[in-house]
Amino acid sequence: MNMIRSIIESHLSHRDEYIFGFANLTGFLPRKYSHYHYGISIGKKLDDTITDNLKKGPTLEYYFHYNQVNRELSEMSAMIHADLKRNNIPSFPVIPTISIGSEQYKRYLKTLSYDISHKLVATRAGLGWIGKTDLLISFKFGPRLRLTTILLEQNPGCQELPVEESKCGDCNLCVIKCPAQAANGLLWNTGIHRDLFFDARKCREKCGELAKKMLNVDERICGLCVSVCPKGKIRN
């Protein structure tokens, strides 16, 4: 078995709750990461019951679950990175969230985008596409998942074809339900910039309002588009 695949699978205690894939990222990363030509995308499924309960906005249960899954993925990324290092395989883990107040976070606030997009890596790994509200819509779990990324110098065994265009079709449920009215319904493809189909600032501002009003926390979280997506409710 491919050593990198074996290392990843050794950390997936409940295999049916995860997806992962390998991506060729040549030409897609900023110059400072240009020596990493490949990436591992790992997604962990969000709990269906908790996600189904997002009828009017975020709940405390969803807030805690969302953050717990992020922590689990961060810890897993660190452990996989350590195992790869022990096997002389250079890697760089990109955790699901960044620390508020950090320099990276300050840069993020200017554009509401990161140097490395987990969703980009996932689409290059063939795991899904970008939906109308800028979520990864995975083939297996729809948008009901969180993602982490590990960059690699060597080819881990890329086989799946990248996904380069939306498969949302005429469905507009997330567009209609978005309390921020941040999406205009245009379909994503690799040639369209996010800002042409989704207003990330509108989304962020409304998520902050909802989190303060419904949870009394200074966070940016909603989840309505995750909850209503029909792909997430279909189990293959």
C-alpha atoms as a PDB file:
ATOM      1  CA  MET A   1       0.000   0.000   0.000  1.00  0.00           C
ATOM      2  CA  ASN A   2       1.074   3.579  -0.660  1.00  0.00           C
ATOM      3  CA  MET A   3       2.879   4.694   2.526  1.00  0.00           C
ATOM      4  CA  ILE A   4       1.242   8.120   2.642  1.00  0.00           C
ATOM      5  CA  ARG A   5      -2.211   6.604   2.232  1.00  0.00           C
ATOM      6  CA  SER A   6      -1.435   4.045   4.924  1.00  0.00           C
ATOM      7  CA  ILE A   7      -0.351   6.773   7.360  1.00  0.00           C
ATOM      8  CA  ILE A   8      -3.548   8.761   6.755  1.00  0.00           C
ATOM      9  CA  GLU A   9      -5.826   5.755   7.146  1.00  0.00           C
ATOM     10  CA  SER A  10      -4.117   4.810  10.411  1.00  0.00           C
ATOM     11  CA  HIS A  11      -5.498   8.053  11.901  1.00  0.00           C
ATOM     12  CA  LEU A  12      -9.087   7.631  10.698  1.00  0.00           C
ATOM     13  CA  SER A  13     -10.638   5.822  13.639  1.00  0.00           C
ATOM     14  CA  HIS A  14     -14.138   5.912  12.134  1.00  0.00           C
ATOM     15  CA  ARG A  15     -13.468   5.659   8.407  1.00  0.00           C
ATOM     16  CA  ASP A  16     -17.095   6.307   7.389  1.00  0.00           C
ATOM     17  CA  GLU A  17     -16.926   9.787   8.967  1.00  0.00           C
ATOM     18  CA  TYR A  18     -14.045  10.932   6.764  1.00  0.00           C
ATOM     19  CA  ILE A  19     -13.097  11.544   3.168  1.00  0.00           C
ATOM     20  CA  PHE A  20      -9.623  12.226   1.843  1.00  0.00           C
ATOM     21  CA  GLY A  21      -7.885  12.635  -1.453  1.00  0.00           C
ATOM     22  CA  PHE A  22      -4.639  13.672  -3.106  1.00  0.00           C
ATOM     23  CA  ALA A  23      -4.282  16.830  -5.189  1.00  0.00           C
ATOM     24  CA  ASN A  24      -1.772  18.031  -7.759  1.00  0.00           C
ATOM     25  CA  LEU A  25      -1.351  21.710  -6.811  1.00  0.00           C
ATOM     26  CA  THR A  26       1.311  22.697  -9.319  1.00  0.00           C
ATOM     27  CA  GLY A  27       0.712  26.329 -10.256  1.00  0.00           C
ATOM     28  CA  PHE A  28      -2.036  26.878  -7.690  1.00  0.00           C
ATOM     29  CA  LEU A  29      -0.092  27.941  -4.573  1.00  0.00           C
ATOM     30  CA  PRO A  30       1.587  31.246  -3.633  1.00  0.00           C
ATOM     31  CA  ARG A  31       5.296  31.477  -4.415  1.00  0.00           C
ATOM     32  CA  LYS A  32       6.393  30.869  -0.816  1.00  0.00           C
ATOM     33  CA  TYR A  33       4.773  27.421  -0.972  1.00  0.00           C
ATOM     34  CA  SER A  34       5.805  26.691  -4.557  1.00  0.00           C
ATOM     35  CA  HIS A  35       8.097  23.803  -3.566  1.00  0.00           C
ATOM     36  CA  TYR A  36       4.997  21.944  -2.396  1.00  0.00           C
ATOM     37  CA  HIS A  37       3.450  20.559  -5.557  1.00  0.00           C
ATOM     38  CA  TYR A  38       0.902  18.241  -3.954  1.00  0.00           C
ATOM     39  CA  GLY A  39      -1.600  18.198  -1.140  1.00  0.00           C
ATOM     40  CA  ILE A  40      -3.731  15.932   1.010  1.00  0.00           C
ATOM     41  CA  SER A  41      -7.314  17.038   1.598  1.00  0.00           C
ATOM     42  CA  ILE A  42      -9.107  15.477   4.569  1.00  0.00           C
ATOM     43  CA  GLY A  43     -12.734  16.129   5.487  1.00  0.00           C
ATOM     44  CA  LYS A  44     -14.647  15.082   8.570  1.00  0.00           C
ATOM     45  CA  LYS A  45     -18.423  14.827   8.510  1.00  0.00           C
ATOM     46  CA  LEU A  46     -20.562  17.075  10.690  1.00  0.00           C
ATOM     47  CA  ASP A  47     -23.281  15.464  12.791  1.00  0.00           C
ATOM     48  CA  ASP A  48     -26.583  15.261  10.855  1.00  0.00           C
ATOM     49  CA  THR A  49     -28.871  15.775  13.841  1.00  0.00           C
ATOM     50  CA  ILE A  50     -27.025  18.909  14.932  1.00  0.00           C
ATOM     51  CA  THR A  51     -26.931  20.266  11.378  1.00  0.00           C
ATOM     52  CA  ASP A  52     -30.619  19.504  10.745  1.00  0.00           C
ATOM     53  CA  ASN A  53     -31.531  21.634  13.766  1.00  0.00           C
ATOM     54  CA  LEU A  54     -30.229  24.821  12.171  1.00  0.00           C
ATOM     55  CA  LYS A  55     -33.708  26.042  11.276  1.00  0.00           C
ATOM     56  CA  LYS A  56     -33.265  29.753  11.972  1.00  0.00           C
ATOM     57  CA  GLY A  57     -29.546  30.122  12.456  1.00  0.00           C
ATOM     58  CA  PRO A  58     -26.678  28.850  14.608  1.00  0.00           C
ATOM     59  CA  THR A  59     -27.253  26.913  17.812  1.00  0.00           C
ATOM     60  CA  LEU A  60     -24.855  26.489  20.714  1.00  0.00           C
ATOM     61  CA  GLU A  61     -24.752  22.776  19.956  1.00  0.00           C
ATOM     62  CA  TYR A  62     -23.620  23.504  16.392  1.00  0.00           C
ATOM     63  CA  TYR A  63     -21.111  26.121  17.573  1.00  0.00           C
ATOM     64  CA  PHE A  64     -19.428  23.674  19.983  1.00  0.00           C
ATOM     65  CA  HIS A  65     -19.564  20.803  17.489  1.00  0.00           C
ATOM     66  CA  TYR A  66     -18.092  22.947  14.674  1.00  0.00           C
ATOM     67  CA  ASN A  67     -15.168  23.990  16.853  1.00  0.00           C
ATOM     68  CA  GLN A  68     -14.634  20.480  18.186  1.00  0.00           C
ATOM     69  CA  VAL A  69     -14.387  19.038  14.670  1.00  0.00           C
ATOM     70  CA  ASN A  70     -11.909  21.783  13.759  1.00  0.00           C
ATOM     71  CA  ARG A  71      -9.782  20.872  16.790  1.00  0.00           C
ATOM     72  CA  GLU A  72      -9.884  17.185  15.910  1.00  0.00           C
ATOM     73  CA  LEU A  73      -8.762  17.895  12.359  1.00  0.00           C
ATOM     74  CA  SER A  74      -5.966  20.187  13.590  1.00  0.00           C
ATOM     75  CA  GLU A  75      -4.700  17.487  15.944  1.00  0.00           C
ATOM     76  CA  MET A  76      -4.936  14.848  13.222  1.00  0.00           C
ATOM     77  CA  SER A  77      -3.003  17.050  10.789  1.00  0.00           C
ATOM     78  CA  ALA A  78      -0.224  17.467  13.358  1.00  0.00           C
ATOM     79  CA  MET A  79      -0.041  13.708  13.971  1.00  0.00           C
ATOM     80  CA  ILE A  80       0.000  12.864  10.256  1.00  0.00           C
ATOM     81  CA  HIS A  81       2.701  15.508   9.730  1.00  0.00           C
ATOM     82  CA  ALA A  82       4.769  13.909  12.510  1.00  0.00           C
ATOM     83  CA  ASP A  83       4.360  10.440  11.012  1.00  0.00           C
ATOM     84  CA  LEU A  84       5.340  11.697   7.582  1.00  0.00           C
ATOM     85  CA  LYS A  85       8.421  13.359   9.044  1.00  0.00           C
ATOM     86  CA  ARG A  86       9.452  10.090  10.720  1.00  0.00           C
ATOM     87  CA  ASN A  87       9.319   8.518   7.284  1.00  0.00           C
ATOM     88  CA  ASN A  88      11.389  11.317   5.728  1.00  0.00           C
ATOM     89  CA  ILE A  89       8.429  12.724   3.795  1.00  0.00           C
ATOM     90  CA  PRO A  90       8.443  16.562   3.943  1.00  0.00           C
ATOM     91  CA  SER A  91       5.024  18.077   4.615  1.00  0.00           C
ATOM     92  CA  PHE A  92       3.318  21.229   5.838  1.00  0.00           C
ATOM     93  CA  PRO A  93      -0.002  21.059   7.746  1.00  0.00           C
ATOM     94  CA  VAL A  94      -2.576  23.795   7.084  1.00  0.00           C
ATOM     95  CA  ILE A  95      -5.016  23.765  10.014  1.00  0.00           C
ATOM     96  CA  PRO A  96      -8.775  24.428   9.585  1.00  0.00           C
ATOM     97  CA  THR A  97      -8.772  27.763  11.432  1.00  0.00           C
ATOM     98  CA  ILE A  98      -6.228  30.447  12.277  1.00  0.00           C
ATOM     99  CA  SER A  99      -5.704  32.312  15.537  1.00  0.00           C
ATOM    100  CA  ILE A 100      -7.540  35.613  15.941  1.00  0.00           C
ATOM    101  CA  GLY A 101      -5.049  38.450  16.205  1.00  0.00           C
ATOM    102  CA  SER A 102      -2.258  36.633  14.387  1.00  0.00           C
ATOM    103  CA  GLU A 103      -0.522  38.228  11.409  1.00  0.00           C
ATOM    104  CA  GLN A 104      -2.127  35.656   9.136  1.00  0.00           C
ATOM    105  CA  TYR A 105      -5.548  36.589  10.526  1.00  0.00           C
ATOM    106  CA  LYS A 106      -4.889  40.294   9.930  1.00  0.00           C
ATOM    107  CA  ARG A 107      -4.021  39.519   6.310  1.00  0.00           C
ATOM    108  CA  TYR A 108      -7.159  37.408   6.011  1.00  0.00           C
ATOM    109  CA  LEU A 109      -9.379  40.315   7.107  1.00  0.00           C
ATOM    110  CA  LYS A 110      -8.228  42.384   4.121  1.00  0.00           C
ATOM    111  CA  THR A 111      -9.512  39.952   1.490  1.00  0.00           C
ATOM    112  CA  LEU A 112     -11.402  37.293   3.501  1.00  0.00           C
ATOM    113  CA  SER A 113      -9.272  34.681   1.799  1.00  0.00           C
ATOM    114  CA  TYR A 114      -6.272  32.594   2.838  1.00  0.00           C
ATOM    115  CA  ASP A 115      -2.942  31.860   1.192  1.00  0.00           C
ATOM    116  CA  ILE A 116      -4.064  28.247   0.899  1.00  0.00           C
ATOM    117  CA  SER A 117      -7.706  27.359   0.356  1.00  0.00           C
ATOM    118  CA  HIS A 118      -8.870  24.040   1.813  1.00  0.00           C
ATOM    119  CA  LYS A 119     -11.712  24.069  -0.708  1.00  0.00           C
ATOM    120  CA  LEU A 120      -9.329  24.520  -3.629  1.00  0.00           C
ATOM    121  CA  VAL A 121      -7.248  21.546  -2.489  1.00  0.00           C
ATOM    122  CA  ALA A 122     -10.409  19.451  -2.067  1.00  0.00           C
ATOM    123  CA  THR A 123     -11.615  20.242  -5.593  1.00  0.00           C
ATOM    124  CA  ARG A 124      -8.181  19.442  -7.012  1.00  0.00           C
ATOM    125  CA  ALA A 125      -8.362  16.138  -5.135  1.00  0.00           C
ATOM    126  CA  GLY A 126     -11.685  15.345  -6.812  1.00  0.00           C
ATOM    127  CA  LEU A 127     -13.678  15.374  -3.562  1.00  0.00           C
ATOM    128  CA  GLY A 128     -16.323  17.882  -4.644  1.00  0.00           C
ATOM    129  CA  TRP A 129     -17.059  21.327  -6.040  1.00  0.00           C
ATOM    130  CA  ILE A 130     -17.749  24.861  -4.779  1.00  0.00           C
ATOM    131  CA  GLY A 131     -21.421  25.645  -4.165  1.00  0.00           C
ATOM    132  CA  LYS A 132     -23.311  28.886  -4.679  1.00  0.00           C
ATOM    133  CA  THR A 133     -22.611  30.085  -1.130  1.00  0.00           C
ATOM    134  CA  ASP A 134     -18.899  29.264  -1.451  1.00  0.00           C
ATOM    135  CA  LEU A 135     -19.044  25.973   0.438  1.00  0.00           C
ATOM    136  CA  LEU A 136     -17.303  22.801  -0.613  1.00  0.00           C
ATOM    137  CA  ILE A 137     -20.047  20.423  -1.731  1.00  0.00           C
ATOM    138  CA  SER A 138     -18.469  17.012  -1.330  1.00  0.00           C
ATOM    139  CA  PHE A 139     -19.765  14.029  -3.251  1.00  0.00           C
ATOM    140  CA  LYS A 140     -20.163  11.994  -0.070  1.00  0.00           C
ATOM    141  CA  PHE A 141     -21.318  14.450   2.611  1.00  0.00           C
ATOM    142  CA  GLY A 142     -22.464  17.498   0.667  1.00  0.00           C
ATOM    143  CA  PRO A 143     -21.415  20.622   2.601  1.00  0.00           C
ATOM    144  CA  ARG A 144     -21.721  18.881   5.971  1.00  0.00           C
ATOM    145  CA  LEU A 145     -18.033  18.628   6.748  1.00  0.00           C
ATOM    146  CA  ARG A 146     -14.937  20.521   7.839  1.00  0.00           C
ATOM    147  CA  LEU A 147     -11.620  20.360   5.996  1.00  0.00           C
ATOM    148  CA  THR A 148      -7.920  20.293   6.688  1.00  0.00           C
ATOM    149  CA  THR A 149      -4.956  20.235   4.317  1.00  0.00           C
ATOM    150  CA  ILE A 150      -1.414  18.892   4.371  1.00  0.00           C
ATOM    151  CA  LEU A 151       0.995  20.061   1.671  1.00  0.00           C
ATOM    152  CA  LEU A 152       3.573  17.672   0.228  1.00  0.00           C
ATOM    153  CA  GLU A 153       6.672  17.903  -1.928  1.00  0.00           C
ATOM    154  CA  GLN A 154       6.355  14.422  -3.401  1.00  0.00           C
ATOM    155  CA  ASN A 155       3.470  12.900  -5.325  1.00  0.00           C
ATOM    156  CA  PRO A 156       1.309  10.899  -2.871  1.00  0.00           C
ATOM    157  CA  GLY A 157      -0.329   8.985  -5.698  1.00  0.00           C
ATOM    158  CA  CYS A 158      -2.744  11.392  -7.365  1.00  0.00           C
ATOM    159  CA  GLN A 159      -5.341   9.482  -9.391  1.00  0.00           C
ATOM    160  CA  GLU A 160      -8.676  11.301  -9.165  1.00  0.00           C
ATOM    161  CA  LEU A 161      -9.460  13.979 -11.725  1.00  0.00           C
ATOM    162  CA  PRO A 162      -9.921  17.509 -10.349  1.00  0.00           C
ATOM    163  CA  VAL A 163     -13.447  18.926 -10.255  1.00  0.00           C
ATOM    164  CA  GLU A 164     -13.472  22.140 -12.269  1.00  0.00           C
ATOM    165  CA  GLU A 165     -17.110  23.226 -12.422  1.00  0.00           C
ATOM    166  CA  SER A 166     -20.215  23.303 -10.245  1.00  0.00           C
ATOM    167  CA  LYS A 167     -22.720  20.478 -10.158  1.00  0.00           C
ATOM    168  CA  CYS A 168     -25.395  22.522  -8.355  1.00  0.00           C
ATOM    169  CA  GLY A 169     -27.407  23.104 -11.531  1.00  0.00           C
ATOM    170  CA  ASP A 170     -30.617  25.098 -11.037  1.00  0.00           C
ATOM    171  CA  CYS A 171     -30.817  24.468  -7.277  1.00  0.00           C
ATOM    172  CA  ASN A 172     -30.950  27.774  -5.383  1.00  0.00           C
ATOM    173  CA  LEU A 173     -32.000  26.686  -1.882  1.00  0.00           C
ATOM    174  CA  CYS A 174     -28.859  28.044  -0.233  1.00  0.00           C
ATOM    175  CA  VAL A 175     -29.170  31.308  -2.171  1.00  0.00           C
ATOM    176  CA  ILE A 176     -32.792  31.742  -1.052  1.00  0.00           C
ATOM    177  CA  LYS A 177     -32.153  30.789   2.572  1.00  0.00           C
ATOM    178  CA  CYS A 178     -28.999  32.892   3.028  1.00  0.00           C
ATOM    179  CA  PRO A 179     -29.916  35.536   5.654  1.00  0.00           C
ATOM    180  CA  ALA A 180     -27.156  37.804   4.340  1.00  0.00           C
ATOM    181  CA  GLN A 181     -28.295  37.528   0.697  1.00  0.00           C
ATOM    182  CA  ALA A 182     -24.621  37.030  -0.045  1.00  0.00           C
ATOM    183  CA  ALA A 183     -25.021  34.789  -3.126  1.00  0.00           C
ATOM    184  CA  ASN A 184     -26.370  35.720  -6.541  1.00  0.00           C
ATOM    185  CA  GLY A 185     -26.878  32.215  -7.929  1.00  0.00           C
ATOM    186  CA  LEU A 186     -24.014  32.123 -10.424  1.00  0.00           C
ATOM    187  CA  LEU A 187     -22.346  28.755 -10.822  1.00  0.00           C
ATOM    188  CA  TRP A 188     -18.718  28.267  -9.776  1.00  0.00           C
ATOM    189  CA  ASN A 189     -15.986  27.089 -12.082  1.00  0.00           C
ATOM    190  CA  THR A 190     -12.214  27.345 -11.921  1.00  0.00           C
ATOM    191  CA  GLY A 191     -12.237  30.460 -14.081  1.00  0.00           C
ATOM    192  CA  ILE A 192     -14.555  32.559 -11.913  1.00  0.00           C
ATOM    193  CA  HIS A 193     -13.419  34.586  -8.899  1.00  0.00           C
ATOM    194  CA  ARG A 194     -15.361  34.023  -5.678  1.00  0.00           C
ATOM    195  CA  ASP A 195     -16.395  37.675  -5.457  1.00  0.00           C
ATOM    196  CA  LEU A 196     -18.364  37.376  -8.694  1.00  0.00           C
ATOM    197  CA  PHE A 197     -20.835  34.884  -7.202  1.00  0.00           C
ATOM    198  CA  PHE A 198     -20.541  35.334  -3.443  1.00  0.00           C
ATOM    199  CA  ASP A 199     -20.090  38.361  -1.155  1.00  0.00           C
ATOM    200  CA  ALA A 200     -17.927  37.076   1.693  1.00  0.00           C
ATOM    201  CA  ARG A 201     -18.182  40.331   3.642  1.00  0.00           C
ATOM    202  CA  LYS A 202     -21.972  40.242   3.694  1.00  0.00           C
ATOM    203  CA  CYS A 203     -21.784  36.663   4.924  1.00  0.00           C
ATOM    204  CA  ARG A 204     -19.232  37.478   7.622  1.00  0.00           C
ATOM    205  CA  GLU A 205     -21.201  40.460   8.923  1.00  0.00           C
ATOM    206  CA  LYS A 206     -24.477  38.542   9.138  1.00  0.00           C
ATOM    207  CA  CYS A 207     -22.764  35.553  10.771  1.00  0.00           C
ATOM    208  CA  GLY A 208     -21.415  37.927  13.418  1.00  0.00           C
ATOM    209  CA  GLU A 209     -24.871  39.386  14.018  1.00  0.00           C
ATOM    210  CA  LEU A 210     -26.485  35.971  14.329  1.00  0.00           C
ATOM    211  CA  ALA A 211     -23.779  34.607  16.639  1.00  0.00           C
ATOM    212  CA  LYS A 212     -24.132  37.604  18.941  1.00  0.00           C
ATOM    213  CA  LYS A 213     -27.930  37.551  18.922  1.00  0.00           C
ATOM    214  CA  MET A 214     -28.508  33.802  19.189  1.00  0.00           C
ATOM    215  CA  LEU A 215     -25.396  32.556  20.989  1.00  0.00           C
ATOM    216  CA  ASN A 216     -24.045  35.665  22.735  1.00  0.00           C
ATOM    217  CA  VAL A 217     -20.546  34.993  21.384  1.00  0.00           C
ATOM    218  CA  ASP A 218     -18.206  37.151  19.341  1.00  0.00           C
ATOM    219  CA  GLU A 219     -17.816  34.696  16.475  1.00  0.00           C
ATOM    220  CA  ARG A 220     -18.773  34.365  12.812  1.00  0.00           C
ATOM    221  CA  ILE A 221     -20.977  31.319  12.416  1.00  0.00           C
ATOM    222  CA  CYS A 222     -24.335  30.522  10.824  1.00  0.00           C
ATOM    223  CA  GLY A 223     -24.763  27.148   9.098  1.00  0.00           C
ATOM    224  CA  LEU A 224     -28.113  27.697   7.360  1.00  0.00           C
ATOM    225  CA  CYS A 225     -26.735  26.981   3.890  1.00  0.00           C
ATOM    226  CA  VAL A 226     -25.047  23.848   5.229  1.00  0.00           C
ATOM    227  CA  SER A 227     -28.345  22.667   6.674  1.00  0.00           C
ATOM    228  CA  VAL A 228     -30.599  23.231   3.651  1.00  0.00           C
ATOM    229  CA  CYS A 229     -28.359  21.810   0.917  1.00  0.00           C
ATOM    230  CA  PRO A 230     -30.149  18.778  -0.542  1.00  0.00           C
ATOM    231  CA  LYS A 231     -26.845  17.133  -1.462  1.00  0.00           C
ATOM    232  CA  GLY A 232     -25.969  16.986   2.213  1.00  0.00           C
ATOM    233  CA  LYS A 233     -29.236  15.215   2.978  1.00  0.00           C
ATOM    234  CA  ILE A 234     -28.779  12.548   0.296  1.00  0.00           C
ATOM    235  CA  ARG A 235     -26.861   9.483   1.435  1.00  0.00           C
ATOM    236  CA  ASN A 236     -25.317   7.513  -1.385  1.00  0.00           C
END
